Amino acid sequence: MSSCLVEIDGSSAVIRLTGVLDAAGAEAVRGALLARLCDRPGPVVADVTGLRVADAAGRDVFAEVRREVADWPAADLLLCDPTVDGPDHADAGVLAWPTVDGALAAIAAAPLAAVLTAELAPTVGAARQARELVTTGCQHWGMPTLTDPACIAITEMVNNVVAHARTPMTVRLAPQDSTLHLAVRDHSPLRPTFAGLAPPTRAGGRGLLLIDTMARRWGSSVVPDGKVVWCVLHPDDEAAALG
């Protein structure tokens, strides 16, 4: 019987995978990687030195996770794979180094420009706290045109947690080039659904419409004990709206 052991060091960005990874174990590995990326901002290194990948499903899980977190604030997945000679896009788009030290050195060479995180309770004051965080970030990062749309988007994301998930939440935001990435992580498996424009006679239900209007992209990711709802805002969109 094949098995894959996932070892997580709480003080490190490294996750070590050993044993045999096949289709049966791919979902557990996916969940462990996403959970770690939820818990700490910044890239995570999956060390596959002691891992044998048995089939395509196991091989593809790393690229799938990297695509899943591409628009999360300050999140990425790297590999330590001794079968590569140097930094290489192995495993269909995941950057790999032959040693853990090499992967960690690459992370250190490109430290996070900025990231802000807040742990909030599902109370009526949560949205105000989230807006304060967004305003601070936009001021520090020189993104004044994104302050208002980002505050609207984060308000709706947080209020959805307060009204529906009713769990503690993590609010995180980070700049990436000229874009602003926002995410709210809660502990409810219920994913948001967006059916487009709501009729004017319907009460409520417009939160996702506002997010869809403000953001260039948005979506949700299922994680082992809940979900992450994220969005990306671009200053060009705000300039076009003003024009």
Protein backbone atom coordinates (compact mmCIF):
# COMPACT_ATOMS: atom_id res chain seq x y z
CA MET A 1 0.00 0.00 0.00
CA SER A 2 1.46 3.34 -1.06
CA SER A 3 1.69 6.23 1.36
CA CYS A 4 2.98 9.78 1.53
CA LEU A 5 4.09 11.41 4.77
CA VAL A 6 3.86 15.21 5.04
CA GLU A 7 6.08 16.85 7.67
CA ILE A 8 5.54 20.54 8.50
CA ASP A 9 7.98 22.60 10.54
CA GLY A 10 6.09 25.48 12.09
CA SER A 11 9.15 27.73 12.11
CA SER A 12 10.18 27.09 8.50
CA ALA A 13 8.83 27.60 5.00
CA VAL A 14 9.73 23.99 4.17
CA ILE A 15 7.29 21.09 3.93
CA ARG A 16 8.95 17.67 3.56
CA LEU A 17 7.19 14.91 1.66
CA THR A 18 8.42 11.33 1.88
CA GLY A 19 7.19 7.95 0.71
CA VAL A 20 5.09 7.35 -2.38
CA LEU A 21 2.69 9.89 -3.86
CA ASP A 22 -0.08 8.58 -6.09
CA ALA A 23 -3.64 9.57 -7.01
CA ALA A 24 -4.95 8.32 -3.67
CA GLY A 25 -2.65 10.62 -1.72
CA ALA A 26 -2.75 13.65 -4.01
CA GLU A 27 -5.75 15.29 -2.32
CA ALA A 28 -4.18 15.03 1.14
CA VAL A 29 -0.96 16.61 -0.16
CA ARG A 30 -2.94 19.34 -1.88
CA GLY A 31 -4.77 20.08 1.34
CA ALA A 32 -1.59 20.16 3.43
CA LEU A 33 0.11 22.56 1.03
CA LEU A 34 -2.91 24.88 0.82
CA ALA A 35 -3.32 24.86 4.60
CA ARG A 36 0.30 25.87 5.06
CA LEU A 37 -0.02 28.64 2.46
CA CYS A 38 -3.10 29.89 4.35
CA ASP A 39 -1.25 29.93 7.66
CA ARG A 40 1.83 31.91 6.66
CA PRO A 41 2.41 34.60 4.04
CA GLY A 42 5.16 34.07 1.52
CA PRO A 43 6.38 31.15 -0.61
CA VAL A 44 6.41 27.58 0.66
CA VAL A 45 9.04 25.04 -0.38
CA ALA A 46 7.91 21.45 -0.91
CA ASP A 47 10.95 19.21 -0.41
CA VAL A 48 10.38 16.10 -2.52
CA THR A 49 13.88 14.66 -2.02
CA GLY A 50 12.48 11.59 -0.25
CA LEU A 51 9.37 11.25 -2.39
CA ARG A 52 8.62 8.89 -5.23
CA VAL A 53 5.81 10.05 -7.50
CA ALA A 54 3.87 7.04 -8.75
CA ASP A 55 1.51 8.53 -11.35
CA ALA A 56 0.38 11.64 -13.22
CA ALA A 57 -2.10 12.67 -10.55
CA GLY A 58 0.66 12.77 -7.98
CA ARG A 59 3.01 14.62 -10.30
CA ASP A 60 0.43 17.28 -11.19
CA VAL A 61 -0.63 18.20 -7.65
CA PHE A 62 2.20 20.70 -7.17
CA ALA A 63 1.37 22.64 -10.33
CA GLU A 64 -2.32 22.57 -9.39
CA VAL A 65 -1.58 24.08 -5.98
CA ARG A 66 0.62 26.78 -7.52
CA ARG A 67 -2.14 27.74 -9.96
CA GLU A 68 -4.68 27.76 -7.10
CA VAL A 69 -2.69 30.29 -5.04
CA ALA A 70 -1.46 32.44 -7.94
CA ASP A 71 -3.79 35.30 -7.01
CA TRP A 72 -3.61 34.94 -3.23
CA PRO A 73 -1.68 37.72 -1.48
CA ALA A 74 2.01 36.87 -1.09
CA ALA A 75 1.72 33.15 -1.89
CA ASP A 76 3.74 30.81 -4.06
CA LEU A 77 4.95 27.20 -4.15
CA LEU A 78 8.52 26.16 -4.92
CA LEU A 79 10.07 22.69 -5.06
CA CYS A 80 13.28 21.16 -3.81
CA ASP A 81 13.88 18.39 -6.33
CA PRO A 82 17.36 16.80 -6.45
CA THR A 83 16.74 15.51 -9.99
CA VAL A 84 17.10 19.02 -11.44
CA ASP A 85 20.54 20.51 -12.13
CA GLY A 86 19.63 24.09 -11.19
CA PRO A 87 16.62 26.40 -11.01
CA ASP A 88 14.23 24.77 -13.41
CA HIS A 89 10.52 24.85 -14.23
CA ALA A 90 9.93 21.23 -13.37
CA ASP A 91 6.55 19.61 -12.79
CA ALA A 92 4.66 21.73 -15.32
CA GLY A 93 5.37 25.23 -14.11
CA VAL A 94 6.68 24.91 -10.54
CA LEU A 95 10.14 26.42 -10.08
CA ALA A 96 12.49 23.80 -8.61
CA TRP A 97 15.95 23.82 -7.01
CA PRO A 98 18.14 20.77 -6.38
CA THR A 99 18.63 21.64 -2.69
CA VAL A 100 16.55 23.10 0.12
CA ASP A 101 19.25 25.69 0.77
CA GLY A 102 19.05 26.81 -2.85
CA ALA A 103 15.28 27.22 -2.71
CA LEU A 104 15.44 29.10 0.59
CA ALA A 105 18.21 31.33 -0.77
CA ALA A 106 15.99 32.21 -3.73
CA ILE A 107 13.21 33.19 -1.32
CA ALA A 108 15.61 35.27 0.76
CA ALA A 109 16.91 37.01 -2.36
CA ALA A 110 13.40 38.23 -3.21
CA PRO A 111 11.82 38.99 0.17
CA LEU A 112 8.20 40.00 0.49
CA ALA A 113 7.86 43.65 -0.45
CA ALA A 114 4.96 43.95 1.95
CA VAL A 115 2.08 42.00 3.39
CA LEU A 116 -0.51 42.85 6.03
CA THR A 117 -2.52 40.28 7.96
CA ALA A 118 -5.22 40.55 10.63
CA GLU A 119 -7.08 37.91 12.60
CA LEU A 120 -10.69 39.05 13.05
CA ALA A 121 -13.72 37.74 14.90
CA PRO A 122 -17.06 37.41 13.01
CA THR A 123 -18.54 40.54 14.58
CA VAL A 124 -20.15 43.70 13.22
CA GLY A 125 -16.89 45.61 13.73
CA ALA A 126 -14.83 43.26 11.56
CA ALA A 127 -15.46 45.10 8.30
CA ARG A 128 -14.31 48.41 9.81
CA GLN A 129 -11.09 46.78 11.04
CA ALA A 130 -10.51 45.27 7.60
CA ARG A 131 -11.02 48.64 5.90
CA GLU A 132 -8.49 50.23 8.25
CA LEU A 133 -5.98 47.55 7.28
CA VAL A 134 -6.64 48.14 3.57
CA THR A 135 -6.35 51.91 3.93
CA THR A 136 -3.03 51.54 5.75
CA GLY A 137 -1.70 49.20 3.07
CA CYS A 138 -2.74 51.40 0.16
CA GLN A 139 -1.12 54.42 1.82
CA HIS A 140 2.15 52.62 2.52
CA TRP A 141 2.33 51.02 -0.91
CA GLY A 142 1.47 54.13 -2.94
CA MET A 143 -1.87 52.84 -4.26
CA PRO A 144 -4.28 55.70 -3.46
CA THR A 145 -6.60 54.98 -6.40
CA LEU A 146 -7.23 51.48 -5.07
CA THR A 147 -8.18 52.50 -1.52
CA ASP A 148 -11.90 52.99 -2.14
CA PRO A 149 -12.52 49.95 -4.38
CA ALA A 150 -10.41 47.76 -2.11
CA CYS A 151 -12.36 48.93 0.94
CA ILE A 152 -15.62 48.11 -0.81
CA ALA A 153 -14.38 44.66 -1.84
CA ILE A 154 -12.96 43.76 1.56
CA THR A 155 -16.13 44.95 3.29
CA GLU A 156 -18.24 42.57 1.24
CA MET A 157 -15.80 39.69 1.71
CA VAL A 158 -15.73 40.16 5.49
CA ASN A 159 -19.46 40.73 5.78
CA ASN A 160 -20.06 37.44 3.95
CA VAL A 161 -18.08 35.70 6.68
CA VAL A 162 -19.97 37.52 9.43
CA ALA A 163 -23.36 36.76 7.90
CA HIS A 164 -22.84 33.24 6.56
CA ALA A 165 -19.66 31.48 7.74
CA ARG A 166 -19.78 32.93 11.28
CA THR A 167 -16.23 31.78 12.01
CA PRO A 168 -13.01 33.60 12.88
CA MET A 169 -11.27 34.89 9.77
CA THR A 170 -7.86 35.90 8.49
CA VAL A 171 -7.68 39.01 6.30
CA ARG A 172 -4.51 39.35 4.20
CA LEU A 173 -3.43 41.82 1.55
CA ALA A 174 -0.27 42.43 -0.44
CA PRO A 175 0.84 44.37 -3.51
CA GLN A 176 2.20 42.59 -6.56
CA ASP A 177 3.71 44.89 -9.15
CA SER A 178 0.94 47.46 -9.64
CA THR A 179 -1.93 45.22 -8.49
CA LEU A 180 -3.41 44.73 -5.03
CA HIS A 181 -4.29 41.22 -3.85
CA LEU A 182 -6.87 40.70 -1.09
CA ALA A 183 -7.99 37.49 0.62
CA VAL A 184 -10.26 36.48 3.46
CA ARG A 185 -9.88 32.99 4.88
CA ASP A 186 -12.65 31.50 7.04
CA HIS A 187 -13.50 28.08 8.45
CA SER A 188 -16.71 27.28 6.60
CA PRO A 189 -16.79 24.93 3.59
CA LEU A 190 -19.71 26.86 2.08
CA ARG A 191 -18.40 28.53 -1.09
CA PRO A 192 -19.81 31.81 -2.40
CA THR A 193 -22.01 31.57 -5.48
CA PHE A 194 -22.44 34.38 -7.98
CA ALA A 195 -25.39 34.38 -10.35
CA GLY A 196 -24.72 37.73 -12.00
CA LEU A 197 -26.93 40.78 -11.78
CA ALA A 198 -29.63 40.59 -9.12
CA PRO A 199 -33.15 41.85 -9.86
CA PRO A 200 -33.90 45.21 -8.19
CA THR A 201 -36.69 43.59 -6.18
CA ARG A 202 -34.30 41.19 -4.41
CA ALA A 203 -33.20 42.20 -0.92
CA GLY A 204 -29.49 41.67 -0.33
CA GLY A 205 -27.29 39.33 -2.31
CA ARG A 206 -25.31 42.10 -3.99
CA GLY A 207 -22.01 41.60 -2.16
CA LEU A 208 -20.46 39.37 -4.80
CA LEU A 209 -21.71 41.70 -7.53
CA LEU A 210 -19.78 44.54 -5.90
CA ILE A 211 -16.65 42.39 -5.68
CA ASP A 212 -17.08 41.36 -9.32
CA THR A 213 -17.46 45.02 -10.29
CA MET A 214 -14.42 46.24 -8.36
CA ALA A 215 -11.98 43.40 -9.04
CA ARG A 216 -10.17 42.37 -12.19
CA ARG A 217 -10.32 38.77 -10.96
CA TRP A 218 -11.84 37.04 -7.95
CA GLY A 219 -12.61 33.55 -6.80
CA SER A 220 -12.57 31.08 -3.94
CA SER A 221 -10.38 28.14 -2.96
CA VAL A 222 -11.41 25.20 -0.82
CA VAL A 223 -8.88 24.42 1.95
CA PRO A 224 -9.03 21.56 4.47
CA ASP A 225 -11.04 23.38 7.13
CA GLY A 226 -12.72 26.16 5.20
CA LYS A 227 -12.05 28.39 2.22
CA VAL A 228 -10.15 31.42 0.94
CA VAL A 229 -12.02 34.11 -1.00
CA TRP A 230 -9.64 36.35 -2.93
CA CYS A 231 -9.65 39.20 -5.43
CA VAL A 232 -7.19 41.25 -7.47
CA LEU A 233 -7.57 44.98 -8.11
CA HIS A 234 -5.74 46.91 -10.82
CA PRO A 235 -5.27 50.71 -10.97
CA ASP A 236 -5.94 50.76 -14.73
CA ASP A 237 -9.49 49.56 -14.05
CA GLU A 238 -10.10 52.47 -11.69
CA ALA A 239 -8.64 54.95 -14.17
CA ALA A 240 -10.96 53.60 -16.88
CA ALA A 241 -13.96 53.87 -14.55
CA LEU A 242 -13.12 57.48 -13.73
CA GLY A 243 -12.62 58.28 -17.40
